[in-house]
Amino acid sequence: MNSIRLLAIALLVGGTLGLVYGGFSYTKDTTAVKLGSLELTVKEQKQVNIPLWAGIGAIVAGGLLLLTASKRG
């Protein structure tokens, strides 16, 4: 399998996951206060939303790459 087909499959899978889940979240540790040896940290949960057009665009681009890769080889 060549690299173009792998990229096409990755785009198809990523676009599909983006449409199904709509985004992902992660936890970020930040230092709120540092006073000498005393340090207070805060865990913030961040949300990243994946736009609908990005998921559809990734699926279309992956499909086009897969079609052109199959025509070449």
Protein backbone atom coordinates (compact mmCIF):
# COMPACT_ATOMS: atom_id res chain seq x y z
CA MET A 1 0.00 0.00 0.00
CA ASN A 2 1.49 3.33 -0.97
CA SER A 3 1.52 6.52 1.06
CA ILE A 4 -1.27 8.22 -0.94
CA ARG A 5 -3.69 5.40 -0.14
CA LEU A 6 -2.72 5.50 3.54
CA LEU A 7 -3.30 9.26 3.62
CA ALA A 8 -6.66 8.81 1.87
CA ILE A 9 -7.76 6.18 4.38
CA ALA A 10 -6.60 8.36 7.29
CA LEU A 11 -8.63 11.29 5.92
CA LEU A 12 -11.70 9.11 5.50
CA VAL A 13 -11.44 7.72 9.03
CA GLY A 14 -10.66 11.13 10.55
CA GLY A 15 -13.52 12.82 8.72
CA THR A 16 -15.95 10.11 9.77
CA LEU A 17 -14.85 10.33 13.40
CA GLY A 18 -15.17 14.12 13.24
CA LEU A 19 -18.74 13.82 12.03
CA VAL A 20 -19.69 11.14 14.55
CA TYR A 21 -18.16 12.71 17.68
CA GLY A 22 -18.12 16.40 16.71
CA GLY A 23 -15.00 17.11 18.76
CA PHE A 24 -12.87 15.96 21.65
CA SER A 25 -11.81 17.15 25.08
CA TYR A 26 -8.56 17.10 27.00
CA THR A 27 -7.33 18.11 30.45
CA LYS A 28 -4.67 20.78 30.86
CA ASP A 29 -2.71 21.31 34.09
CA THR A 30 -1.88 24.95 34.81
CA THR A 31 -0.14 26.59 37.73
CA ALA A 32 -2.54 29.03 39.36
CA VAL A 33 -0.33 30.32 42.19
CA LYS A 34 3.33 29.77 42.98
CA LEU A 35 4.40 31.24 46.30
CA GLY A 36 7.81 29.98 47.39
CA SER A 37 7.59 26.24 47.82
CA LEU A 38 3.78 26.34 47.75
CA GLU A 39 2.33 25.71 44.34
CA LEU A 40 -1.35 25.43 43.44
CA THR A 41 -2.27 23.74 40.20
CA VAL A 42 -5.60 23.77 38.45
CA LYS A 43 -6.88 21.12 36.04
CA GLU A 44 -8.83 22.71 33.23
CA GLN A 45 -10.90 20.65 30.85
CA LYS A 46 -10.77 22.05 27.32
CA GLN A 47 -13.19 21.21 24.52
CA VAL A 48 -12.19 21.25 20.84
CA ASN A 49 -15.10 21.28 18.40
CA ILE A 50 -14.59 19.99 14.86
CA PRO A 51 -16.72 21.92 12.36
CA LEU A 52 -19.12 19.98 10.16
CA TRP A 53 -17.50 21.33 7.00
CA ALA A 54 -14.08 20.03 8.11
CA GLY A 55 -15.37 16.48 8.55
CA ILE A 56 -17.16 16.52 5.21
CA GLY A 57 -14.13 18.07 3.51
CA ALA A 58 -11.83 15.39 4.90
CA ILE A 59 -14.14 12.64 3.67
CA VAL A 60 -14.37 14.19 0.19
CA ALA A 61 -10.61 14.75 -0.02
CA GLY A 62 -9.92 11.19 1.15
CA GLY A 63 -12.34 9.79 -1.40
CA LEU A 64 -10.80 11.80 -4.22
CA LEU A 65 -7.29 10.74 -3.22
CA LEU A 66 -8.37 7.11 -3.06
CA LEU A 67 -9.93 7.33 -6.52
CA THR A 68 -6.90 8.98 -8.09
CA ALA A 69 -4.55 6.51 -6.40
CA SER A 70 -6.53 3.57 -7.77
CA LYS A 71 -6.54 5.01 -11.32
CA ARG A 72 -2.75 5.46 -11.28
CA GLY A 73 -1.79 2.05 -10.05
